[in-house]
Protein backbone atom coordinates (compact mmCIF):
# COMPACT_ATOMS: atom_id res chain seq x y z
CA MET A 1 13.76 26.18 -59.47
CA ARG A 2 15.26 29.71 -59.39
CA ILE A 3 13.95 31.97 -62.11
CA ALA A 4 15.39 35.66 -62.69
CA VAL A 5 13.32 38.17 -65.18
CA VAL A 6 14.99 40.66 -66.39
CA THR A 7 12.29 43.48 -67.14
CA LEU A 8 11.47 47.08 -66.55
CA PHE A 9 8.06 46.19 -65.51
CA PRO A 10 8.60 43.90 -62.52
CA GLN A 11 5.16 45.00 -60.87
CA MET A 12 3.85 43.47 -63.53
CA LEU A 13 5.01 39.74 -63.34
CA ARG A 14 4.96 40.11 -59.43
CA GLU A 15 0.21 41.18 -59.69
CA ALA A 16 0.18 38.74 -62.43
CA MET A 17 1.75 35.41 -60.68
CA ALA A 18 -0.36 36.38 -57.39
CA HIS A 19 -2.71 34.04 -57.52
CA GLY A 20 -3.73 30.77 -58.50
CA VAL A 21 -2.13 27.48 -59.11
CA ILE A 22 1.13 29.52 -59.86
CA GLY A 23 0.21 31.90 -56.69
CA ARG A 24 0.22 28.52 -54.70
CA ALA A 25 3.57 27.35 -55.93
CA LEU A 26 5.52 30.54 -55.62
CA GLU A 27 3.81 30.31 -51.57
CA ARG A 28 4.80 26.65 -51.47
CA GLY A 29 8.68 27.44 -52.53
CA VAL A 30 8.00 25.09 -55.58
CA VAL A 31 9.81 27.76 -57.68
CA GLU A 32 11.31 30.47 -56.77
CA VAL A 33 10.77 33.96 -59.17
CA GLY A 34 13.32 36.53 -58.77
CA TYR A 35 13.02 40.43 -60.66
CA VAL A 36 15.68 42.59 -62.03
CA ASP A 37 14.99 46.06 -63.44
CA PRO A 38 17.85 47.43 -65.98
CA ARG A 39 17.13 50.41 -64.57
CA ASP A 40 18.97 49.69 -61.16
CA PHE A 41 22.20 49.55 -63.34
CA THR A 42 22.26 52.71 -64.87
CA SER A 43 24.17 56.31 -63.92
CA ASP A 44 22.34 59.14 -65.33
CA VAL A 45 19.43 61.14 -63.48
CA HIS A 46 17.52 59.64 -65.96
CA ARG A 47 18.06 56.21 -65.39
CA THR A 48 18.50 55.90 -69.17
CA VAL A 49 17.67 52.43 -70.93
CA ASP A 50 17.18 52.67 -74.66
CA ASP A 51 18.77 55.07 -77.36
CA ARG A 52 18.04 55.43 -81.20
CA PRO A 53 18.52 52.78 -83.73
CA TYR A 54 21.79 53.72 -85.79
CA GLY A 55 20.39 53.54 -89.51
CA GLY A 56 17.26 55.50 -88.16
CA GLY A 57 13.92 53.81 -88.28
CA PRO A 58 10.84 54.01 -85.81
CA GLY A 59 11.65 53.76 -81.75
CA MET A 60 14.02 52.53 -79.57
CA VAL A 61 16.20 49.86 -78.68
CA LEU A 62 17.46 48.70 -74.94
CA LYS A 63 21.38 49.70 -74.54
CA VAL A 64 23.79 47.05 -73.88
CA GLY A 65 25.11 48.18 -70.48
CA PRO A 66 21.52 48.20 -68.16
CA LEU A 67 21.07 45.08 -69.57
CA ARG A 68 23.91 42.91 -69.39
CA ASP A 69 24.52 44.04 -65.47
CA ALA A 70 21.19 42.59 -64.59
CA LEU A 71 21.63 39.50 -66.53
CA ARG A 72 24.56 39.32 -65.18
CA ALA A 73 23.84 40.51 -61.80
CA ALA A 74 20.98 38.36 -62.10
CA ARG A 75 22.89 35.40 -62.87
CA ALA A 76 25.35 35.36 -59.68
CA ALA A 77 22.48 34.99 -57.76
CA LEU A 78 21.36 31.47 -59.11
CA PRO A 79 23.29 28.38 -59.11
CA ALA A 80 26.04 27.05 -61.23
CA GLY A 81 24.62 25.71 -65.53
CA THR A 82 21.31 28.75 -64.86
CA ARG A 83 21.00 29.53 -68.87
CA SER A 84 19.33 32.45 -70.56
CA VAL A 85 16.50 33.06 -72.60
CA TYR A 86 15.51 36.52 -74.67
CA LEU A 87 11.85 36.70 -75.30
CA GLY A 88 10.74 38.29 -78.65
CA ALA A 89 9.21 37.43 -82.05
CA ASP A 90 11.77 36.48 -83.76
CA GLY A 91 13.11 33.55 -81.30
CA MET A 92 12.17 29.83 -81.76
CA ARG A 93 8.84 28.82 -81.05
CA PHE A 94 8.21 27.81 -77.43
CA GLU A 95 6.81 24.47 -77.19
CA GLN A 96 5.77 22.12 -74.47
CA SER A 97 8.69 20.21 -75.31
CA LYS A 98 10.94 23.57 -74.24
CA ALA A 99 9.08 23.52 -71.00
CA ARG A 100 10.22 20.14 -70.25
CA ALA A 101 14.03 20.47 -71.24
CA ALA A 102 13.57 23.98 -68.94
CA ARG A 103 12.23 21.94 -65.82
CA ASP A 104 15.44 20.74 -65.20
CA TRP A 105 18.19 23.16 -65.64
CA PRO A 106 19.33 24.21 -62.60
CA GLY A 107 18.09 28.09 -63.10
CA LEU A 108 16.63 29.98 -65.86
CA ILE A 109 17.03 34.00 -66.86
CA LEU A 110 14.37 35.39 -68.95
CA VAL A 111 15.15 38.87 -70.68
CA ALA A 112 11.68 40.24 -71.46
CA GLY A 113 12.67 42.50 -74.59
CA ARG A 114 10.17 45.86 -75.15
CA TYR A 115 10.74 48.74 -77.09
CA GLU A 116 12.04 47.68 -80.96
CA GLY A 117 14.07 45.35 -79.35
CA VAL A 118 17.50 45.16 -77.45
CA ASP A 119 21.34 45.74 -79.40
CA GLU A 120 22.23 42.08 -80.46
CA ARG A 121 25.35 42.71 -79.07
CA PHE A 122 23.69 42.25 -76.19
CA ILE A 123 22.20 39.51 -77.71
CA GLU A 124 25.35 37.36 -79.03
CA SER A 125 26.85 37.81 -75.88
CA GLU A 126 24.72 37.34 -73.45
CA ILE A 127 22.08 34.80 -74.70
CA ASP A 128 21.93 31.01 -74.57
CA GLU A 129 18.43 31.46 -75.93
CA GLN A 130 15.67 33.10 -78.46
CA TRP A 131 12.32 32.01 -77.44
CA SER A 132 8.47 33.31 -79.09
CA ILE A 133 5.42 32.00 -78.21
CA GLY A 134 4.10 32.93 -81.24
CA ASP A 135 4.54 34.54 -85.26
CA TYR A 136 2.77 37.87 -83.66
CA VAL A 137 4.51 41.11 -82.36
CA LEU A 138 3.44 41.94 -78.58
CA THR A 139 4.75 45.63 -76.91
CA GLY A 140 7.38 43.22 -74.56
CA GLY A 141 7.93 40.58 -72.95
CA GLU A 142 6.45 40.93 -70.29
CA LEU A 143 3.30 38.53 -71.22
CA PRO A 144 5.28 35.63 -72.71
CA ALA A 145 7.34 35.39 -69.99
CA LEU A 146 4.28 34.50 -67.62
CA VAL A 147 3.61 32.04 -70.47
CA VAL A 148 7.24 30.42 -69.75
CA ILE A 149 6.90 30.90 -66.14
CA ASP A 150 3.36 29.09 -66.00
CA ALA A 151 4.25 26.32 -68.65
CA ILE A 152 7.19 25.53 -66.67
CA ALA A 153 6.28 26.14 -63.55
CA ARG A 154 3.59 23.92 -63.64
CA LEU A 155 5.31 20.45 -65.26
CA LEU A 156 7.36 20.60 -61.20
CA PRO A 157 6.01 18.55 -58.66
CA GLY A 158 4.03 19.76 -55.89
CA THR A 159 2.76 22.94 -58.37
CA LEU A 160 -0.79 20.99 -59.17
CA GLY A 161 -2.84 19.15 -56.76
CA SER A 162 -2.24 15.47 -59.14
CA ALA A 163 0.61 14.19 -60.50
CA GLU A 164 -1.39 13.09 -63.01
CA SER A 165 -2.14 16.24 -64.01
CA ALA A 166 0.62 18.04 -65.68
CA ILE A 167 0.71 13.66 -67.25
CA GLU A 168 -2.26 13.96 -69.14
CA GLU A 169 -2.67 16.92 -70.60
CA SER A 170 -2.89 18.90 -73.85
CA PHE A 171 0.81 18.46 -75.60
CA SER A 172 2.53 16.43 -73.00
CA ASP A 173 2.40 13.57 -75.87
CA GLY A 174 2.25 15.70 -78.74
CA LEU A 175 -1.14 15.50 -79.03
CA VAL A 176 -3.81 17.90 -78.59
CA ASP A 177 -6.39 16.98 -75.37
CA TRP A 178 -9.47 14.66 -75.64
CA PRO A 179 -12.74 16.71 -75.12
CA GLN A 180 -13.65 16.82 -71.11
CA TYR A 181 -17.09 16.65 -69.49
CA THR A 182 -18.56 17.01 -65.81
CA ARG A 183 -21.91 17.06 -63.87
CA PRO A 184 -25.09 17.47 -64.28
CA PRO A 185 -24.86 14.38 -67.14
CA SER A 186 -27.17 16.37 -69.89
CA VAL A 187 -27.63 19.61 -70.79
CA ASP A 188 -29.25 22.08 -73.19
CA GLY A 189 -29.89 17.71 -74.43
CA ARG A 190 -25.84 17.33 -75.03
CA GLU A 191 -25.32 14.56 -73.16
CA VAL A 192 -22.28 13.03 -71.53
CA PRO A 193 -20.65 10.48 -74.50
CA ALA A 194 -21.54 6.96 -72.71
CA VAL A 195 -18.15 5.38 -72.77
CA LEU A 196 -17.00 8.13 -69.69
CA ALA A 197 -19.42 6.79 -67.00
CA SER A 198 -19.15 3.24 -68.41
CA GLY A 199 -16.16 2.31 -65.84
CA ASP A 200 -14.46 0.13 -68.70
CA HIS A 201 -11.25 1.99 -68.24
CA ALA A 202 -10.01 0.04 -71.61
CA ALA A 203 -12.47 1.36 -73.43
CA ILE A 204 -12.25 4.74 -72.43
CA ARG A 205 -8.40 5.44 -72.75
CA ARG A 206 -9.36 4.23 -76.76
CA TRP A 207 -11.90 6.86 -76.40
CA ARG A 208 -9.89 9.41 -75.32
CA LEU A 209 -6.36 8.44 -77.28
CA GLN A 210 -9.02 8.40 -80.37
CA GLN A 211 -10.62 11.95 -79.72
CA ALA A 212 -7.13 13.43 -78.61
CA LEU A 213 -5.90 12.09 -82.19
CA GLY A 214 -9.26 13.62 -84.04
CA ARG A 215 -8.64 16.98 -82.05
CA THR A 216 -5.16 16.77 -83.13
CA TRP A 217 -5.68 16.11 -87.24
CA LEU A 218 -8.61 18.72 -87.65
CA ARG A 219 -6.64 22.42 -85.26
CA ARG A 220 -3.29 20.05 -85.35
CA PRO A 221 -2.20 18.58 -88.21
CA ASP A 222 1.43 19.64 -87.85
CA LEU A 223 1.90 17.75 -85.17
CA LEU A 224 0.63 14.77 -85.80
CA GLU A 225 3.57 15.08 -89.15
CA ARG A 226 5.97 15.82 -85.89
CA ARG A 227 5.01 13.18 -83.90
CA GLY A 228 3.49 10.56 -85.90
CA VAL A 229 1.48 7.54 -85.03
CA SER A 230 1.66 3.70 -84.28
CA VAL A 231 -0.24 1.03 -85.66
CA GLU A 232 -3.23 1.17 -82.87
CA GLU A 233 -3.22 4.93 -83.44
CA ARG A 234 -3.58 4.89 -87.09
CA ALA A 235 -6.65 2.52 -86.77
CA LEU A 236 -7.62 5.17 -84.17
CA LEU A 237 -7.25 7.80 -86.29
CA ASP A 238 -8.97 6.19 -89.40
CA GLU A 239 -12.31 5.23 -87.85
CA PHE A 240 -12.39 8.81 -86.29
CA LYS A 241 -11.70 10.94 -90.07
CA ARG A 242 -14.68 7.91 -91.31
CA ALA A 243 -16.85 9.04 -88.28
CA HIS A 244 -16.07 12.93 -88.88
CA ALA A 245 -17.40 11.95 -92.68
CA ALA A 246 -20.05 11.35 -91.75
CA ARG A 247 -21.35 13.73 -89.89
CA ARG A 248 -20.45 15.93 -92.30
CA ALA A 249 -22.28 14.63 -94.92
CA GLN A 250 -25.39 14.12 -92.49
CA ASP A 251 -25.42 17.77 -92.08
CA GLY A 252 -25.29 18.45 -95.65
């Protein structure tokens, strides 16, 4: 997949993505990431990309001209059907479902906002979607761009060591992940659940599903409300709730 990021700080992204799984995916050519700096599309000596907001107020707003020219340059280098996304706090929540959808796009342009935001006319004329990684404000869109690229890249064949890793992980089925354990079997008196060492794959599947359902109920009930549960899952979740209530009662 080919991705371009329109950003005032390309080096910030280059350095962050030079390591780990994403770094290896870039080396293998599983994903290609390019950078376009709006400053390169200015004509004044100061390379001005922002100006004061109309109506007054603090901060500066990114201008249409440099952003538009930068985005169009990025689009010209990417396949037909490439979609453009502006990253800002007022966008739609970026979730796993969006990562899966974007994985299949021919190309993706991410526009990293800065300062007080960007001129709305740029969004109206050039942007297909607006995404937010959470209900908080950051100093710029570079960190969200890294989050989006990481989430999409790990879904591409060849990024992870095992194809199953991208399937059997949090949110792949609308649930958070089940607890994970490794050796040694005992740490400070805390034992690995016996079922995981039993070799009974059906029992392991059932335990993992129950734990994922239970954790989602405890931590992200909104996901369960949207997803729904099957008859089997309802029985497993009810069993988890009873055990959870019993532990709380025992702990006082």
